[in-house]
Structure formats: structure tokens, C-alpha cells
Amino acid sequence: MRQKKVNGSRGSFGQIKVLHKGKSIFTSVGSESYEGTFGPQVASIPVNGVVPPGYAHRPDLISNLFLGSPSTWWIICETNAIFDVFEQLKSGSPIRVPLE
């Protein structure tokens, strides 16, 4: 994996290049500085929910339901290391929701 530095708040953690469904993508999840900062916190959040029926593939709706805003959809994805909502966010799937 190749580490790449990107400007911006999330980009400040650097990004790594990964292969997803045969295509190269860049993500901060898995980079050394991201995992050093958030890894221990995310690991401490227990699986405390499931994707409700009708909310599959919709982190925005899940975020609105549990966190009170659809604009925090990325928190659901980051907390659960979701790269592909169609593969990893299915109805009934266990999820971590940071409620505090």
C-alpha cells in the first residue's frame, strides 16, 4: 500500500491506495496516522445496532435515525470501516453506532 498526503481535515491523515472491485481508490482508513488516532476509539465501540429494514445501503438515513442528522453519514461509514455501502451495509447487518 502506498501512502499519499492530501490537504484538508480528513486528508491530513494521509491516504493509502487500495484495490476495491478491481479499481484503485484512495482512503484515509487504514493509514498509519488515521489508525493511530481513531483505531483504538473505533475498536472500543461495541456492535450496538443493526441496519433496520428499509435502511440498507443508506448511511445517511441510518445517521439521521441514530445521530440526528443525515450529514453525518460518514461517521457511520468510518466507524464500521465501510468502503462499499452496497456490499457492507445490508438490512440486518450488525453495526457500530457512536452514541456518546
PDB file of N, CA and C in Angstrom:
ATOM      1  N   MET A   1       0.835  -1.176   0.000  1.00  0.00           N
ATOM      2  CA  MET A   1       0.000   0.000   0.000  1.00  0.00           C
ATOM      3  C   MET A   1       0.880   1.240   0.000  1.00  0.00           C
ATOM      4  N   ARG A   2       0.494   2.206  -0.762  1.00  0.00           N
ATOM      5  CA  ARG A   2       1.237   3.447  -0.896  1.00  0.00           C
ATOM      6  C   ARG A   2       0.545   4.544  -0.099  1.00  0.00           C
ATOM      7  N   GLN A   3       1.296   5.272   0.719  1.00  0.00           N
ATOM      8  CA  GLN A   3       0.724   6.374   1.500  1.00  0.00           C
ATOM      9  C   GLN A   3       0.848   7.672   0.714  1.00  0.00           C
ATOM     10  N   LYS A   4      -0.203   8.465   0.717  1.00  0.00           N
ATOM     11  CA  LYS A   4      -0.266   9.716  -0.030  1.00  0.00           C
ATOM     12  C   LYS A   4      -0.780  10.796   0.905  1.00  0.00           C
ATOM     13  N   LYS A   5      -0.128  11.950   0.942  1.00  0.00           N
ATOM     14  CA  LYS A   5      -0.560  13.060   1.790  1.00  0.00           C
ATOM     15  C   LYS A   5      -1.525  13.934   1.011  1.00  0.00           C
ATOM     16  N   VAL A   6      -2.663  14.269   1.623  1.00  0.00           N
ATOM     17  CA  VAL A   6      -3.694  15.078   0.989  1.00  0.00           C
ATOM     18  C   VAL A   6      -4.036  16.221   1.933  1.00  0.00           C
ATOM     19  N   ASN A   7      -4.267  17.415   1.395  1.00  0.00           N
ATOM     20  CA  ASN A   7      -4.642  18.555   2.231  1.00  0.00           C
ATOM     21  C   ASN A   7      -6.095  18.460   2.658  1.00  0.00           C
ATOM     22  N   GLY A   8      -6.437  19.094   3.775  1.00  0.00           N
ATOM     23  CA  GLY A   8      -7.809  19.083   4.280  1.00  0.00           C
ATOM     24  C   GLY A   8      -7.883  18.333   5.586  1.00  0.00           C
ATOM     25  N   SER A   9      -8.995  18.435   6.292  1.00  0.00           N
ATOM     26  CA  SER A   9      -9.089  17.835   7.615  1.00  0.00           C
ATOM     27  C   SER A   9      -8.963  16.310   7.575  1.00  0.00           C
ATOM     28  N   ARG A  10      -9.749  15.662   6.764  1.00  0.00           N
ATOM     29  CA  ARG A  10      -9.640  14.213   6.687  1.00  0.00           C
ATOM     30  C   ARG A  10      -8.365  13.824   5.953  1.00  0.00           C
ATOM     31  N   GLY A  11      -8.025  14.611   4.942  1.00  0.00           N
ATOM     32  CA  GLY A  11      -6.817  14.326   4.178  1.00  0.00           C
ATOM     33  C   GLY A  11      -5.547  14.477   4.975  1.00  0.00           C
ATOM     34  N   SER A  12      -5.613  15.200   6.082  1.00  0.00           N
ATOM     35  CA  SER A  12      -4.417  15.394   6.889  1.00  0.00           C
ATOM     36  C   SER A  12      -3.931  14.083   7.501  1.00  0.00           C
ATOM     37  N   PHE A  13      -4.772  13.056   7.482  1.00  0.00           N
ATOM     38  CA  PHE A  13      -4.363  11.752   7.985  1.00  0.00           C
ATOM     39  C   PHE A  13      -3.600  10.960   6.932  1.00  0.00           C
ATOM     40  N   GLY A  14      -3.495  11.515   5.740  1.00  0.00           N
ATOM     41  CA  GLY A  14      -2.862  10.780   4.665  1.00  0.00           C
ATOM     42  C   GLY A  14      -3.834   9.777   4.091  1.00  0.00           C
ATOM     43  N   GLN A  15      -3.539   9.287   2.961  1.00  0.00           N
ATOM     44  CA  GLN A  15      -4.408   8.298   2.346  1.00  0.00           C
ATOM     45  C   GLN A  15      -3.554   7.180   1.789  1.00  0.00           C
ATOM     46  N   ILE A  16      -4.131   6.008   1.759  1.00  0.00           N
ATOM     47  CA  ILE A  16      -3.462   4.871   1.169  1.00  0.00           C
ATOM     48  C   ILE A  16      -4.229   4.430  -0.066  1.00  0.00           C
ATOM     49  N   LYS A  17      -3.522   3.830  -0.968  1.00  0.00           N
ATOM     50  CA  LYS A  17      -4.135   3.335  -2.193  1.00  0.00           C
ATOM     51  C   LYS A  17      -4.497   1.865  -1.960  1.00  0.00           C
ATOM     52  N   VAL A  18      -5.773   1.527  -2.198  1.00  0.00           N
ATOM     53  CA  VAL A  18      -6.228   0.150  -2.045  1.00  0.00           C
ATOM     54  C   VAL A  18      -6.968  -0.272  -3.310  1.00  0.00           C
ATOM     55  N   LEU A  19      -7.061  -1.558  -3.503  1.00  0.00           N
ATOM     56  CA  LEU A  19      -7.782  -2.094  -4.644  1.00  0.00           C
ATOM     57  C   LEU A  19      -9.179  -2.477  -4.180  1.00  0.00           C
ATOM     58  N   HIS A  20     -10.205  -1.938  -4.835  1.00  0.00           N
ATOM     59  CA  HIS A  20     -11.596  -2.233  -4.492  1.00  0.00           C
ATOM     60  C   HIS A  20     -12.356  -2.551  -5.775  1.00  0.00           C
ATOM     61  N   LYS A  21     -12.868  -3.766  -5.852  1.00  0.00           N
ATOM     62  CA  LYS A  21     -13.599  -4.225  -7.038  1.00  0.00           C
ATOM     63  C   LYS A  21     -12.800  -3.994  -8.320  1.00  0.00           C
ATOM     64  N   GLY A  22     -11.504  -4.261  -8.238  1.00  0.00           N
ATOM     65  CA  GLY A  22     -10.649  -4.166  -9.413  1.00  0.00           C
ATOM     66  C   GLY A  22     -10.188  -2.765  -9.755  1.00  0.00           C
ATOM     67  N   LYS A  23     -10.527  -1.773  -8.935  1.00  0.00           N
ATOM     68  CA  LYS A  23     -10.115  -0.396  -9.207  1.00  0.00           C
ATOM     69  C   LYS A  23      -9.323   0.145  -8.025  1.00  0.00           C
ATOM     70  N   SER A  24      -8.353   0.986  -8.329  1.00  0.00           N
ATOM     71  CA  SER A  24      -7.571   1.622  -7.277  1.00  0.00           C
ATOM     72  C   SER A  24      -8.332   2.817  -6.723  1.00  0.00           C
ATOM     73  N   ILE A  25      -8.418   2.879  -5.394  1.00  0.00           N
ATOM     74  CA  ILE A  25      -9.047   4.022  -4.727  1.00  0.00           C
ATOM     75  C   ILE A  25      -8.125   4.483  -3.611  1.00  0.00           C
ATOM     76  N   PHE A  26      -8.310   5.721  -3.164  1.00  0.00           N
ATOM     77  CA  PHE A  26      -7.557   6.244  -2.037  1.00  0.00           C
ATOM     78  C   PHE A  26      -8.494   6.410  -0.853  1.00  0.00           C
ATOM     79  N   THR A  27      -8.013   6.052   0.334  1.00  0.00           N
ATOM     80  CA  THR A  27      -8.790   6.188   1.554  1.00  0.00           C
ATOM     81  C   THR A  27      -7.860   6.515   2.708  1.00  0.00           C
ATOM     82  N   SER A  28      -8.375   7.233   3.694  1.00  0.00           N
ATOM     83  CA  SER A  28      -7.578   7.511   4.887  1.00  0.00           C
ATOM     84  C   SER A  28      -7.693   6.355   5.885  1.00  0.00           C
ATOM     85  N   VAL A  29      -8.771   5.587   5.806  1.00  0.00           N
ATOM     86  CA  VAL A  29      -8.943   4.461   6.708  1.00  0.00           C
ATOM     87  C   VAL A  29      -7.848   3.442   6.427  1.00  0.00           C
ATOM     88  N   GLY A  30      -7.122   3.099   7.440  1.00  0.00           N
ATOM     89  CA  GLY A  30      -6.019   2.159   7.284  1.00  0.00           C
ATOM     90  C   GLY A  30      -4.664   2.828   7.233  1.00  0.00           C
ATOM     91  N   SER A  31      -4.624   4.152   7.008  1.00  0.00           N
ATOM     92  CA  SER A  31      -3.328   4.836   7.016  1.00  0.00           C
ATOM     93  C   SER A  31      -2.794   4.844   8.444  1.00  0.00           C
ATOM     94  N   GLU A  32      -1.499   4.934   8.590  1.00  0.00           N
ATOM     95  CA  GLU A  32      -0.894   4.877   9.916  1.00  0.00           C
ATOM     96  C   GLU A  32      -1.417   5.957  10.852  1.00  0.00           C
ATOM     97  N   SER A  33      -1.482   7.197  10.366  1.00  0.00           N
ATOM     98  CA  SER A  33      -1.911   8.279  11.266  1.00  0.00           C
ATOM     99  C   SER A  33      -3.408   8.189  11.585  1.00  0.00           C
ATOM    100  N   TYR A  34      -4.222   7.739  10.643  1.00  0.00           N
ATOM    101  CA  TYR A  34      -5.657   7.575  10.923  1.00  0.00           C
ATOM    102  C   TYR A  34      -5.865   6.488  11.967  1.00  0.00           C
ATOM    103  N   GLU A  35      -5.262   5.336  11.752  1.00  0.00           N
ATOM    104  CA  GLU A  35      -5.443   4.221  12.673  1.00  0.00           C
ATOM    105  C   GLU A  35      -4.859   4.536  14.045  1.00  0.00           C
ATOM    106  N   GLY A  36      -3.737   5.282  14.077  1.00  0.00           N
ATOM    107  CA  GLY A  36      -3.149   5.665  15.352  1.00  0.00           C
ATOM    108  C   GLY A  36      -4.044   6.611  16.139  1.00  0.00           C
ATOM    109  N   THR A  37      -4.816   7.430  15.428  1.00  0.00           N
ATOM    110  CA  THR A  37      -5.706   8.390  16.082  1.00  0.00           C
ATOM    111  C   THR A  37      -7.060   7.784  16.408  1.00  0.00           C
ATOM    112  N   PHE A  38      -7.685   7.115  15.442  1.00  0.00           N
ATOM    113  CA  PHE A  38      -9.050   6.643  15.607  1.00  0.00           C
ATOM    114  C   PHE A  38      -9.181   5.152  15.857  1.00  0.00           C
ATOM    115  N   GLY A  39      -8.197   4.387  15.470  1.00  0.00           N
ATOM    116  CA  GLY A  39      -8.288   2.931  15.606  1.00  0.00           C
ATOM    117  C   GLY A  39      -8.695   2.459  16.990  1.00  0.00           C
ATOM    118  N   PRO A  40      -7.991   2.912  18.046  1.00  0.00           N
ATOM    119  CA  PRO A  40      -8.368   2.462  19.393  1.00  0.00           C
ATOM    120  C   PRO A  40      -9.774   2.912  19.798  1.00  0.00           C
ATOM    121  N   GLN A  41     -10.180   4.105  19.377  1.00  0.00           N
ATOM    122  CA  GLN A  41     -11.518   4.596  19.720  1.00  0.00           C
ATOM    123  C   GLN A  41     -12.600   3.786  19.025  1.00  0.00           C
ATOM    124  N   VAL A  42     -12.405   3.518  17.745  1.00  0.00           N
ATOM    125  CA  VAL A  42     -13.404   2.760  16.986  1.00  0.00           C
ATOM    126  C   VAL A  42     -13.503   1.338  17.518  1.00  0.00           C
ATOM    127  N   ALA A  43     -12.365   0.742  17.831  1.00  0.00           N
ATOM    128  CA  ALA A  43     -12.369  -0.624  18.338  1.00  0.00           C
ATOM    129  C   ALA A  43     -13.089  -0.723  19.678  1.00  0.00           C
ATOM    130  N   SER A  44     -13.129   0.374  20.442  1.00  0.00           N
ATOM    131  CA  SER A  44     -13.780   0.344  21.750  1.00  0.00           C
ATOM    132  C   SER A  44     -15.300   0.476  21.659  1.00  0.00           C
ATOM    133  N   ILE A  45     -15.831   0.847  20.478  1.00  0.00           N
ATOM    134  CA  ILE A  45     -17.281   0.959  20.307  1.00  0.00           C
ATOM    135  C   ILE A  45     -17.829  -0.432  20.033  1.00  0.00           C
ATOM    136  N   PRO A  46     -18.709  -0.927  20.899  1.00  0.00           N
ATOM    137  CA  PRO A  46     -19.243  -2.266  20.653  1.00  0.00           C
ATOM    138  C   PRO A  46     -20.250  -2.247  19.502  1.00  0.00           C
ATOM    139  N   VAL A  47     -20.480  -3.403  18.938  1.00  0.00           N
ATOM    140  CA  VAL A  47     -21.563  -3.528  17.966  1.00  0.00           C
ATOM    141  C   VAL A  47     -22.839  -3.342  18.771  1.00  0.00           C
ATOM    142  N   ASN A  48     -23.554  -2.258  18.482  1.00  0.00           N
ATOM    143  CA  ASN A  48     -24.695  -1.905  19.318  1.00  0.00           C
ATOM    144  C   ASN A  48     -25.971  -1.651  18.522  1.00  0.00           C
ATOM    145  N   GLY A  49     -26.005  -2.119  17.294  1.00  0.00           N
ATOM    146  CA  GLY A  49     -27.204  -1.941  16.491  1.00  0.00           C
ATOM    147  C   GLY A  49     -27.175  -2.812  15.262  1.00  0.00           C
ATOM    148  N   VAL A  50     -28.258  -2.782  14.533  1.00  0.00           N
ATOM    149  CA  VAL A  50     -28.341  -3.473  13.250  1.00  0.00           C
ATOM    150  C   VAL A  50     -28.928  -2.502  12.233  1.00  0.00           C
ATOM    151  N   VAL A  51     -28.648  -2.745  10.980  1.00  0.00           N
ATOM    152  CA  VAL A  51     -29.214  -1.921   9.917  1.00  0.00           C
ATOM    153  C   VAL A  51     -30.704  -2.245   9.851  1.00  0.00           C
ATOM    154  N   PRO A  52     -31.562  -1.246  10.131  1.00  0.00           N
ATOM    155  CA  PRO A  52     -33.007  -1.508  10.138  1.00  0.00           C
ATOM    156  C   PRO A  52     -33.547  -1.833   8.742  1.00  0.00           C
ATOM    157  N   PRO A  53     -34.648  -2.591   8.655  1.00  0.00           N
ATOM    158  CA  PRO A  53     -35.275  -2.841   7.353  1.00  0.00           C
ATOM    159  C   PRO A  53     -35.612  -1.505   6.675  1.00  0.00           C
ATOM    160  N   GLY A  54     -35.331  -1.407   5.409  1.00  0.00           N
ATOM    161  CA  GLY A  54     -35.593  -0.185   4.659  1.00  0.00           C
ATOM    162  C   GLY A  54     -34.444   0.814   4.692  1.00  0.00           C
ATOM    163  N   TYR A  55     -33.380   0.512   5.457  1.00  0.00           N
ATOM    164  CA  TYR A  55     -32.238   1.419   5.579  1.00  0.00           C
ATOM    165  C   TYR A  55     -30.980   0.855   4.931  1.00  0.00           C
ATOM    166  N   ALA A  56     -31.103  -0.286   4.271  1.00  0.00           N
ATOM    167  CA  ALA A  56     -29.946  -0.905   3.616  1.00  0.00           C
ATOM    168  C   ALA A  56     -29.334   0.058   2.606  1.00  0.00           C
ATOM    169  N   HIS A  57     -28.018   0.088   2.570  1.00  0.00           N
ATOM    170  CA  HIS A  57     -27.246   0.897   1.614  1.00  0.00           C
ATOM    171  C   HIS A  57     -27.410   2.396   1.842  1.00  0.00           C
ATOM    172  N   ARG A  58     -27.977   2.831   2.962  1.00  0.00           N
ATOM    173  CA  ARG A  58     -28.263   4.253   3.192  1.00  0.00           C
ATOM    174  C   ARG A  58     -27.656   4.749   4.503  1.00  0.00           C
ATOM    175  N   PRO A  59     -26.356   5.012   4.520  1.00  0.00           N
ATOM    176  CA  PRO A  59     -25.755   5.525   5.751  1.00  0.00           C
ATOM    177  C   PRO A  59     -26.339   6.871   6.161  1.00  0.00           C
ATOM    178  N   ASP A  60     -26.853   7.643   5.206  1.00  0.00           N
ATOM    179  CA  ASP A  60     -27.468   8.935   5.540  1.00  0.00           C
ATOM    180  C   ASP A  60     -28.732   8.745   6.371  1.00  0.00           C
ATOM    181  N   LEU A  61     -29.553   7.762   6.024  1.00  0.00           N
ATOM    182  CA  LEU A  61     -30.777   7.502   6.788  1.00  0.00           C
ATOM    183  C   LEU A  61     -30.460   6.919   8.161  1.00  0.00           C
ATOM    184  N   ILE A  62     -29.473   6.040   8.213  1.00  0.00           N
ATOM    185  CA  ILE A  62     -29.057   5.453   9.491  1.00  0.00           C
ATOM    186  C   ILE A  62     -28.509   6.545  10.405  1.00  0.00           C
ATOM    187  N   SER A  63     -27.705   7.427   9.847  1.00  0.00           N
ATOM    188  CA  SER A  63     -27.151   8.532  10.616  1.00  0.00           C
ATOM    189  C   SER A  63     -28.250   9.450  11.128  1.00  0.00           C
ATOM    190  N   ASN A  64     -29.217   9.740  10.287  1.00  0.00           N
ATOM    191  CA  ASN A  64     -30.337  10.587  10.710  1.00  0.00           C
ATOM    192  C   ASN A  64     -31.123   9.927  11.847  1.00  0.00           C
ATOM    193  N   LEU A  65     -31.318   8.618  11.749  1.00  0.00           N
ATOM    194  CA  LEU A  65     -32.060   7.877  12.758  1.00  0.00           C
ATOM    195  C   LEU A  65     -31.334   7.846  14.100  1.00  0.00           C
ATOM    196  N   PHE A  66     -30.044   7.501  14.075  1.00  0.00           N
ATOM    197  CA  PHE A  66     -29.302   7.310  15.319  1.00  0.00           C
ATOM    198  C   PHE A  66     -28.572   8.556  15.810  1.00  0.00           C
ATOM    199  N   LEU A  67     -28.096   9.401  14.882  1.00  0.00           N
ATOM    200  CA  LEU A  67     -27.284  10.562  15.274  1.00  0.00           C
ATOM    201  C   LEU A  67     -28.005  11.893  15.094  1.00  0.00           C
ATOM    202  N   GLY A  68     -29.182  11.868  14.456  1.00  0.00           N
ATOM    203  CA  GLY A  68     -29.983  13.077  14.344  1.00  0.00           C
ATOM    204  C   GLY A  68     -29.685  13.957  13.148  1.00  0.00           C
ATOM    205  N   SER A  69     -28.841  13.499  12.225  1.00  0.00           N
ATOM    206  CA  SER A  69     -28.525  14.300  11.037  1.00  0.00           C
ATOM    207  C   SER A  69     -28.052  13.399   9.902  1.00  0.00           C
ATOM    208  N   PRO A  70     -28.600  13.575   8.708  1.00  0.00           N
ATOM    209  CA  PRO A  70     -28.127  12.780   7.575  1.00  0.00           C
ATOM    210  C   PRO A  70     -26.733  13.197   7.115  1.00  0.00           C
ATOM    211  N   SER A  71     -26.310  14.402   7.475  1.00  0.00           N
ATOM    212  CA  SER A  71     -24.999  14.883   7.012  1.00  0.00           C
ATOM    213  C   SER A  71     -23.836  14.228   7.746  1.00  0.00           C
ATOM    214  N   THR A  72     -24.130  13.466   8.788  1.00  0.00           N
ATOM    215  CA  THR A  72     -23.059  12.750   9.493  1.00  0.00           C
ATOM    216  C   THR A  72     -22.984  11.285   9.059  1.00  0.00           C
ATOM    217  N   TRP A  73     -23.420  11.018   7.842  1.00  0.00           N
ATOM    218  CA  TRP A  73     -23.400   9.663   7.283  1.00  0.00           C
ATOM    219  C   TRP A  73     -22.005   9.062   7.318  1.00  0.00           C
ATOM    220  N   TRP A  74     -20.999   9.907   7.117  1.00  0.00           N
ATOM    221  CA  TRP A  74     -19.615   9.428   7.058  1.00  0.00           C
ATOM    222  C   TRP A  74     -19.162   8.831   8.388  1.00  0.00           C
ATOM    223  N   ILE A  75     -19.771   9.268   9.508  1.00  0.00           N
ATOM    224  CA  ILE A  75     -19.407   8.709  10.809  1.00  0.00           C
ATOM    225  C   ILE A  75     -19.796   7.229  10.864  1.00  0.00           C
ATOM    226  N   ILE A  76     -20.964   6.908  10.320  1.00  0.00           N
ATOM    227  CA  ILE A  76     -21.395   5.505  10.264  1.00  0.00           C
ATOM    228  C   ILE A  76     -20.405   4.702   9.422  1.00  0.00           C
ATOM    229  N   CYS A  77     -20.022   5.239   8.278  1.00  0.00           N
ATOM    230  CA  CYS A  77     -19.082   4.532   7.394  1.00  0.00           C
ATOM    231  C   CYS A  77     -17.711   4.386   8.039  1.00  0.00           C
ATOM    232  N   GLU A  78     -17.186   5.452   8.635  1.00  0.00           N
ATOM    233  CA  GLU A  78     -15.869   5.406   9.269  1.00  0.00           C
ATOM    234  C   GLU A  78     -15.854   4.443  10.445  1.00  0.00           C
ATOM    235  N   THR A  79     -16.872   4.509  11.290  1.00  0.00           N
ATOM    236  CA  THR A  79     -16.926   3.680  12.492  1.00  0.00           C
ATOM    237  C   THR A  79     -16.995   2.198  12.149  1.00  0.00           C
ATOM    238  N   ASN A  80     -17.586   1.883  11.013  1.00  0.00           N
ATOM    239  CA  ASN A  80     -17.751   0.486  10.618  1.00  0.00           C
ATOM    240  C   ASN A  80     -16.818   0.065   9.500  1.00  0.00           C
ATOM    241  N   ALA A  81     -15.856   0.936   9.135  1.00  0.00           N
ATOM    242  CA  ALA A  81     -14.895   0.662   8.054  1.00  0.00           C
ATOM    243  C   ALA A  81     -15.623   0.220   6.783  1.00  0.00           C
ATOM    244  N   ILE A  82     -16.640   0.987   6.411  1.00  0.00           N
ATOM    245  CA  ILE A  82     -17.437   0.666   5.233  1.00  0.00           C
ATOM    246  C   ILE A  82     -16.876   1.390   4.025  1.00  0.00           C
ATOM    247  N   PHE A  83     -16.464   0.621   3.041  1.00  0.00           N
ATOM    248  CA  PHE A  83     -15.967   1.162   1.787  1.00  0.00           C
ATOM    249  C   PHE A  83     -17.039   1.103   0.703  1.00  0.00           C
ATOM    250  N   ASP A  84     -17.904   0.120   0.796  1.00  0.00           N
ATOM    251  CA  ASP A  84     -18.926  -0.110  -0.218  1.00  0.00           C
ATOM    252  C   ASP A  84     -20.257  -0.360   0.478  1.00  0.00           C
ATOM    253  N   VAL A  85     -21.138   0.634   0.478  1.00  0.00           N
ATOM    254  CA  VAL A  85     -22.411   0.513   1.198  1.00  0.00           C
ATOM    255  C   VAL A  85     -23.302  -0.588   0.632  1.00  0.00           C
ATOM    256  N   PHE A  86     -23.137  -0.909  -0.640  1.00  0.00           N
ATOM    257  CA  PHE A  86     -23.970  -1.942  -1.250  1.00  0.00           C
ATOM    258  C   PHE A  86     -23.551  -3.344  -0.828  1.00  0.00           C
ATOM    259  N   GLU A  87     -22.295  -3.503  -0.472  1.00  0.00           N
ATOM    260  CA  GLU A  87     -21.799  -4.801  -0.034  1.00  0.00           C
ATOM    261  C   GLU A  87     -21.801  -4.933   1.485  1.00  0.00           C
ATOM    262  N   GLN A  88     -21.564  -3.834   2.187  1.00  0.00           N
ATOM    263  CA  GLN A  88     -21.322  -3.908   3.620  1.00  0.00           C
ATOM    264  C   GLN A  88     -22.442  -3.335   4.493  1.00  0.00           C
ATOM    265  N   LEU A  89     -23.448  -2.747   3.914  1.00  0.00           N
ATOM    266  CA  LEU A  89     -24.499  -2.122   4.713  1.00  0.00           C
ATOM    267  C   LEU A  89     -25.851  -2.696   4.302  1.00  0.00           C
ATOM    268  N   LYS A  90     -26.041  -3.961   4.657  1.00  0.00           N
ATOM    269  CA  LYS A  90     -27.267  -4.662   4.291  1.00  0.00           C
ATOM    270  C   LYS A  90     -28.221  -4.720   5.474  1.00  0.00           C
ATOM    271  N   SER A  91     -29.491  -4.782   5.199  1.00  0.00           N
ATOM    272  CA  SER A  91     -30.513  -4.864   6.234  1.00  0.00           C
ATOM    273  C   SER A  91     -30.220  -6.034   7.172  1.00  0.00           C
ATOM    274  N   GLY A  92     -30.253  -5.767   8.465  1.00  0.00           N
ATOM    275  CA  GLY A  92     -29.989  -6.802   9.470  1.00  0.00           C
ATOM    276  C   GLY A  92     -28.522  -6.950   9.833  1.00  0.00           C
ATOM    277  N   SER A  93     -27.625  -6.303   9.103  1.00  0.00           N
ATOM    278  CA  SER A  93     -26.199  -6.391   9.405  1.00  0.00           C
ATOM    279  C   SER A  93     -25.880  -5.666  10.716  1.00  0.00           C
ATOM    280  N   PRO A  94     -25.009  -6.237  11.534  1.00  0.00           N
ATOM    281  CA  PRO A  94     -24.623  -5.544  12.767  1.00  0.00           C
ATOM    282  C   PRO A  94     -23.784  -4.303  12.445  1.00  0.00           C
ATOM    283  N   ILE A  95     -23.990  -3.230  13.219  1.00  0.00           N
ATOM    284  CA  ILE A  95     -23.221  -2.001  13.027  1.00  0.00           C
ATOM    285  C   ILE A  95     -22.836  -1.414  14.387  1.00  0.00           C
ATOM    286  N   ARG A  96     -21.793  -0.589  14.330  1.00  0.00           N
ATOM    287  CA  ARG A  96     -21.378   0.199  15.483  1.00  0.00           C
ATOM    288  C   ARG A  96     -21.921   1.605  15.302  1.00  0.00           C
ATOM    289  N   VAL A  97     -22.576   2.133  16.325  1.00  0.00           N
ATOM    290  CA  VAL A  97     -23.094   3.492  16.278  1.00  0.00           C
ATOM    291  C   VAL A  97     -22.523   4.252  17.477  1.00  0.00           C
ATOM    292  N   PRO A  98     -21.702   5.282  17.225  1.00  0.00           N
ATOM    293  CA  PRO A  98     -21.154   6.048  18.363  1.00  0.00           C
ATOM    294  C   PRO A  98     -22.238   6.936  18.962  1.00  0.00           C
ATOM    295  N   LEU A  99     -22.796   6.535  20.074  1.00  0.00           N
ATOM    296  CA  LEU A  99     -23.948   7.231  20.654  1.00  0.00           C
ATOM    297  C   LEU A  99     -23.566   8.296  21.678  1.00  0.00           C
ATOM    298  N   GLU A 100     -22.314   8.353  22.072  1.00  0.00           N
ATOM    299  CA  GLU A 100     -21.907   9.344  23.083  1.00  0.00           C
ATOM    300  C   GLU A 100     -21.243  10.524  22.446  1.00  0.00           C
TER     301      GLU A 100
END
